[in-house]
Protein backbone atom coordinates (compact mmCIF):
# COMPACT_ATOMS: atom_id res chain seq x y z
CA MET A 1 -50.46 -30.78 48.35
CA ALA A 2 -53.29 -28.32 49.11
CA ASN A 3 -54.31 -29.98 52.39
CA CYS A 4 -50.85 -29.88 53.96
CA PHE A 5 -48.77 -27.43 55.95
CA GLN A 6 -45.04 -26.96 56.43
CA LEU A 7 -43.75 -28.53 59.65
CA SER A 8 -40.55 -27.80 61.58
CA VAL A 9 -39.65 -29.37 64.93
CA ILE A 10 -36.54 -27.76 66.40
CA THR A 11 -34.73 -28.73 69.60
CA ALA A 12 -31.73 -27.27 71.41
CA ASP A 13 -29.60 -29.66 69.32
CA GLY A 14 -31.04 -28.42 66.01
CA PRO A 15 -33.82 -29.46 63.59
CA LEU A 16 -35.35 -32.85 64.39
CA LEU A 17 -38.21 -33.11 61.90
CA GLN A 18 -39.06 -31.02 58.84
CA GLY A 19 -41.41 -31.56 55.94
CA SER A 20 -44.96 -31.37 54.74
CA ALA A 21 -47.69 -32.69 57.05
CA SER A 22 -51.46 -33.07 56.77
CA ALA A 23 -52.29 -33.13 60.51
CA CYS A 24 -50.77 -32.99 63.96
CA ARG A 25 -51.83 -33.41 67.57
CA LEU A 26 -49.87 -31.48 70.18
CA PRO A 27 -49.85 -31.93 73.99
CA VAL A 28 -51.00 -28.70 75.69
CA GLU A 29 -52.06 -27.86 79.23
CA GLY A 30 -55.41 -29.50 79.89
CA GLY A 31 -55.26 -31.98 76.99
CA SER A 32 -54.23 -31.75 73.36
CA VAL A 33 -54.89 -29.65 70.29
CA GLY A 34 -55.23 -30.79 66.69
CA VAL A 35 -53.96 -28.80 63.72
CA LEU A 36 -54.91 -29.20 60.06
CA ALA A 37 -53.92 -27.18 57.00
CA HIS A 38 -54.95 -23.50 57.07
CA HIS A 39 -55.48 -23.52 60.85
CA ALA A 40 -56.10 -20.16 62.51
CA PRO A 41 -52.96 -18.53 63.95
CA MET A 42 -52.11 -19.67 67.46
CA LEU A 43 -49.20 -19.69 69.89
CA CYS A 44 -49.40 -22.30 72.64
CA ALA A 45 -47.30 -23.73 75.46
CA LEU A 46 -46.61 -27.44 75.13
CA ARG A 47 -46.52 -29.76 78.11
CA GLU A 48 -44.46 -32.90 78.44
CA GLY A 49 -46.08 -35.62 76.36
CA GLU A 50 -46.47 -37.16 72.93
CA ALA A 51 -46.93 -35.18 69.72
CA ARG A 52 -48.18 -36.97 66.59
CA PHE A 53 -47.68 -35.85 63.02
CA ARG A 54 -49.33 -37.30 59.90
CA MET A 55 -46.88 -36.62 57.09
CA GLU A 56 -47.87 -35.88 53.49
CA ASP A 57 -46.90 -39.42 52.41
CA GLY A 58 -49.30 -40.91 54.98
CA THR A 59 -46.69 -42.02 57.52
CA GLU A 60 -47.11 -41.08 61.17
CA LYS A 61 -44.27 -39.65 63.23
CA ARG A 62 -44.44 -39.60 67.02
CA LEU A 63 -42.33 -37.42 69.27
CA GLN A 64 -41.93 -37.50 73.02
CA LEU A 65 -41.57 -33.84 74.04
CA SER A 66 -40.20 -32.36 77.25
CA GLY A 67 -42.39 -29.28 76.71
CA GLY A 68 -41.89 -26.16 74.63
CA ILE A 69 -43.97 -23.91 72.41
CA ALA A 70 -45.81 -24.26 69.11
CA ASP A 71 -46.34 -21.42 66.65
CA VAL A 72 -49.08 -21.96 64.04
CA ARG A 73 -49.45 -19.36 61.29
CA ASP A 74 -49.40 -18.91 57.52
CA ASN A 75 -49.95 -22.67 56.96
CA THR A 76 -46.78 -23.43 58.94
CA VAL A 77 -46.36 -25.22 62.28
CA THR A 78 -43.13 -24.60 64.17
CA VAL A 79 -42.48 -26.58 67.36
CA LEU A 80 -39.64 -25.43 69.63
CA ALA A 81 -38.71 -27.98 72.29
CA GLY A 82 -35.78 -28.25 74.66
CA HIS A 83 -35.68 -32.03 74.23
CA ALA A 84 -37.57 -34.42 71.98
CA ARG A 85 -37.21 -38.05 71.00
CA LEU A 86 -38.49 -39.31 67.64
CA ALA A 87 -39.98 -42.81 67.26
CA GLU A 88 -41.08 -44.22 63.89
CA THR A 89 -44.45 -45.92 63.70
CA GLU A 90 -45.83 -48.48 61.30
C-alpha cells in the first residue's frame, strides 16, 4: 500500500512486531511524535510509555515500552527497546 511504511519493533528478546503500518505514535521526551508514510528521517530517544501503531489492515497495536530509540528513514520505522509488552486492541 502506498500510504504505509515497514515497521519493526525489536527487543532484547528478539523481534516483537513486524509488518506494514500506516501510522504510529511514539513516546518521546516532552510528549509524543507521530509518524506517517514517507516521514522525514529522524532518530529519537524513546521514554517509558505507550506506543501505538495503526497496521495496514486497520487494526491498532499498542506497546508499553521501557524506553529505547526509534530510527525513521527510507519509509521504514525501526524501534529498539530493552523491554516491551504488546496488548491487542479492538
